[in-house]
C-alpha atoms as a PDB file:
ATOM      1  CA  MET A   1      73.612-129.858 -10.696  1.00  0.00           C
ATOM      2  CA  ARG A   2      72.705-130.827  -7.158  1.00  0.00           C
ATOM      3  CA  CYS A   3      75.403-132.144  -4.883  1.00  0.00           C
ATOM      4  CA  MET A   4      74.350-134.976  -2.589  1.00  0.00           C
ATOM      5  CA  ALA A   5      74.228-134.493   1.151  1.00  0.00           C
ATOM      6  CA  ALA A   6      77.527-134.754   2.962  1.00  0.00           C
ATOM      7  CA  SER A   7      76.347-137.962   4.651  1.00  0.00           C
ATOM      8  CA  HIS A   8      76.476-139.766   1.300  1.00  0.00           C
ATOM      9  CA  ALA A   9      79.816-141.300   0.397  1.00  0.00           C
ATOM     10  CA  ARG A  10      80.904-140.736  -3.167  1.00  0.00           C
ATOM     11  CA  LEU A  11      83.405-142.608  -5.253  1.00  0.00           C
ATOM     12  CA  LEU A  12      84.396-140.484  -8.211  1.00  0.00           C
ATOM     13  CA  PRO A  13      86.760-141.507 -10.986  1.00  0.00           C
ATOM     14  CA  SER A  14      88.704-138.368 -11.905  1.00  0.00           C
ATOM     15  CA  THR A  15      88.937-138.072 -15.683  1.00  0.00           C
ATOM     16  CA  PRO A  16      90.535-135.401 -17.858  1.00  0.00           C
ATOM     17  CA  SER A  17      87.027-134.159 -18.679  1.00  0.00           C
ATOM     18  CA  SER A  18      85.942-133.895 -15.043  1.00  0.00           C
ATOM     19  CA  THR A  19      89.199-132.160 -14.200  1.00  0.00           C
ATOM     20  CA  CYS A  20      88.517-129.522 -16.857  1.00  0.00           C
ATOM     21  CA  SER A  21      84.875-129.149 -15.775  1.00  0.00           C
ATOM     22  CA  ARG A  22      86.032-128.653 -12.195  1.00  0.00           C
ATOM     23  CA  THR A  23      87.691-125.391 -13.214  1.00  0.00           C
ATOM     24  CA  LYS A  24      84.525-124.100 -14.892  1.00  0.00           C
ATOM     25  CA  SER A  25      81.865-124.857 -12.275  1.00  0.00           C
ATOM     26  CA  GLN A  26      82.137-124.087  -8.584  1.00  0.00           C
ATOM     27  CA  ARG A  27      79.215-126.412  -7.729  1.00  0.00           C
ATOM     28  CA  PHE A  28      80.779-129.285  -9.675  1.00  0.00           C
ATOM     29  CA  ARG A  29      84.133-128.609  -8.016  1.00  0.00           C
ATOM     30  CA  GLU A  30      82.483-128.708  -4.567  1.00  0.00           C
ATOM     31  CA  CYS A  31      80.880-132.077  -5.343  1.00  0.00           C
ATOM     32  CA  LEU A  32      84.155-133.527  -6.587  1.00  0.00           C
ATOM     33  CA  ASN A  33      86.105-132.145  -3.650  1.00  0.00           C
ATOM     34  CA  ALA A  34      83.578-133.646  -1.198  1.00  0.00           C
ATOM     35  CA  ALA A  35      84.090-137.161  -2.582  1.00  0.00           C
ATOM     36  CA  TYR A  36      84.942-139.845  -0.068  1.00  0.00           C
ATOM     37  CA  TYR A  37      87.286-141.433  -2.605  1.00  0.00           C
ATOM     38  CA  SER A  38      88.572-140.235  -5.957  1.00  0.00           C
ATOM     39  CA  CYS A  39      90.656-142.360  -8.279  1.00  0.00           C
ATOM     40  CA  ALA A  40      92.695-141.515 -11.350  1.00  0.00           C
ATOM     41  CA  ASP A  41      90.691-142.674 -14.370  1.00  0.00           C
ATOM     42  CA  GLY A  42      92.914-142.064 -17.378  1.00  0.00           C
ATOM     43  CA  MET A  43      96.614-141.976 -17.945  1.00  0.00           C
ATOM     44  CA  PRO A  44      96.790-138.166 -18.327  1.00  0.00           C
ATOM     45  CA  ILE A  45      95.518-137.865 -14.731  1.00  0.00           C
ATOM     46  CA  VAL A  46      98.037-140.458 -13.527  1.00  0.00           C
ATOM     47  CA  TRP A  47     100.884-138.682 -15.324  1.00  0.00           C
ATOM     48  CA  ALA A  48      99.889-135.284 -13.911  1.00  0.00           C
ATOM     49  CA  CYS A  49      99.595-136.648 -10.357  1.00  0.00           C
ATOM     50  CA  ASN A  50     102.926-138.419 -10.630  1.00  0.00           C
ATOM     51  CA  ARG A  51     104.664-135.382 -12.055  1.00  0.00           C
ATOM     52  CA  PHE A  52     103.035-132.484 -10.201  1.00  0.00           C
ATOM     53  CA  GLY A  53     101.286-134.090  -7.235  1.00  0.00           C
ATOM     54  CA  GLY A  54     104.383-135.283  -5.460  1.00  0.00           C
ATOM     55  CA  ARG A  55     103.226-138.891  -5.206  1.00  0.00           C
ATOM     56  CA  ARG A  56     102.604-141.861  -7.442  1.00  0.00           C
ATOM     57  CA  VAL A  57      99.024-142.905  -8.060  1.00  0.00           C
ATOM     58  CA  PRO A  58      97.719-145.948  -9.920  1.00  0.00           C
ATOM     59  CA  ARG A  59      95.201-145.814 -12.736  1.00  0.00           C
ATOM     60  CA  ILE A  60      91.879-147.249 -11.609  1.00  0.00           C
ATOM     61  CA  ALA A  61      89.409-147.069 -14.454  1.00  0.00           C
ATOM     62  CA  GLY A  62      85.812-146.350 -13.498  1.00  0.00           C
ATOM     63  CA  VAL A  63      84.638-149.085 -15.833  1.00  0.00           C
ATOM     64  CA  ASP A  64      86.729-151.576 -13.847  1.00  0.00           C
ATOM     65  CA  LEU A  65      85.117-150.466 -10.592  1.00  0.00           C
ATOM     66  CA  ILE A  66      81.489-150.522 -11.679  1.00  0.00           C
ATOM     67  CA  GLU A  67      80.869-154.275 -11.449  1.00  0.00           C
ATOM     68  CA  GLN A  68      82.306-154.626  -7.949  1.00  0.00           C
ATOM     69  CA  LEU A  69      80.639-151.422  -6.814  1.00  0.00           C
ATOM     70  CA  CYS A  70      77.229-152.582  -8.044  1.00  0.00           C
ATOM     71  CA  GLU A  71      77.628-156.112  -6.685  1.00  0.00           C
ATOM     72  CA  ARG A  72      78.644-154.934  -3.234  1.00  0.00           C
ATOM     73  CA  GLY A  73      76.165-152.080  -3.246  1.00  0.00           C
ATOM     74  CA  ALA A  74      73.263-154.426  -3.998  1.00  0.00           C
ATOM     75  CA  ALA A  75      74.357-156.811  -1.246  1.00  0.00           C
ATOM     76  CA  ARG A  76      74.368-153.926   1.249  1.00  0.00           C
ATOM     77  CA  GLY A  77      71.223-152.189   0.004  1.00  0.00           C
ATOM     78  CA  LEU A  78      73.129-149.122  -1.182  1.00  0.00           C
ATOM     79  CA  ARG A  79      72.149-146.825  -4.011  1.00  0.00           C
ATOM     80  CA  VAL A  80      74.373-146.122  -6.996  1.00  0.00           C
ATOM     81  CA  PHE A  81      74.079-142.977  -9.114  1.00  0.00           C
ATOM     82  CA  PHE A  82      75.513-142.856 -12.618  1.00  0.00           C
ATOM     83  CA  LEU A  83      76.764-139.459 -13.731  1.00  0.00           C
ATOM     84  CA  GLY A  84      78.213-138.681 -17.115  1.00  0.00           C
ATOM     85  CA  GLY A  85      77.464-139.322 -20.728  1.00  0.00           C
ATOM     86  CA  SER A  86      73.960-138.795 -22.015  1.00  0.00           C
ATOM     87  CA  PRO A  87      70.862-139.351 -19.872  1.00  0.00           C
ATOM     88  CA  GLU A  88      70.044-142.299 -22.118  1.00  0.00           C
ATOM     89  CA  SER A  89      73.385-143.999 -21.481  1.00  0.00           C
ATOM     90  CA  ALA A  90      73.082-143.449 -17.706  1.00  0.00           C
ATOM     91  CA  ASN A  91      69.540-144.868 -17.737  1.00  0.00           C
ATOM     92  CA  THR A  92      70.621-147.858 -19.830  1.00  0.00           C
ATOM     93  CA  THR A  93      73.561-148.554 -17.508  1.00  0.00           C
ATOM     94  CA  ALA A  94      71.319-148.264 -14.440  1.00  0.00           C
ATOM     95  CA  ARG A  95      68.757-150.633 -15.964  1.00  0.00           C
ATOM     96  CA  LEU A  96      71.413-153.208 -16.941  1.00  0.00           C
ATOM     97  CA  GLN A  97      73.149-153.109 -13.564  1.00  0.00           C
ATOM     98  CA  SER A  98      69.825-153.342 -11.711  1.00  0.00           C
ATOM     99  CA  GLY A  99      69.047-156.460 -13.750  1.00  0.00           C
ATOM    100  CA  ARG A 100      72.410-158.016 -12.903  1.00  0.00           C
ATOM    101  CA  TYR A 101      72.280-157.029  -9.254  1.00  0.00           C
ATOM    102  CA  PRO A 102      68.719-157.101  -7.854  1.00  0.00           C
ATOM    103  CA  GLY A 103      68.280-154.753  -4.948  1.00  0.00           C
ATOM    104  CA  LEU A 104      70.538-152.115  -6.416  1.00  0.00           C
END
């Protein structure tokens, strides 16, 4: 895994899976920790933050963010990188979103 340069902003939905992977890989943990914005994607993350994090956080599902992120990213000429799932699913998602939002 290659972490993007620090000048790149990253929005990362924090899932139970990514939280577990964070403990296993220092490089992955560094990428997650360097995110510009991380949101709780999944009720187990929300519950843990609310119980152990000392503050209440809302659930913001990554799937709910993707449309707005792609629409606004295309309008501003930004790049979007899809991480997770199989390479085929990431490629399919990238192709579909590029078709919906030219310039992405």
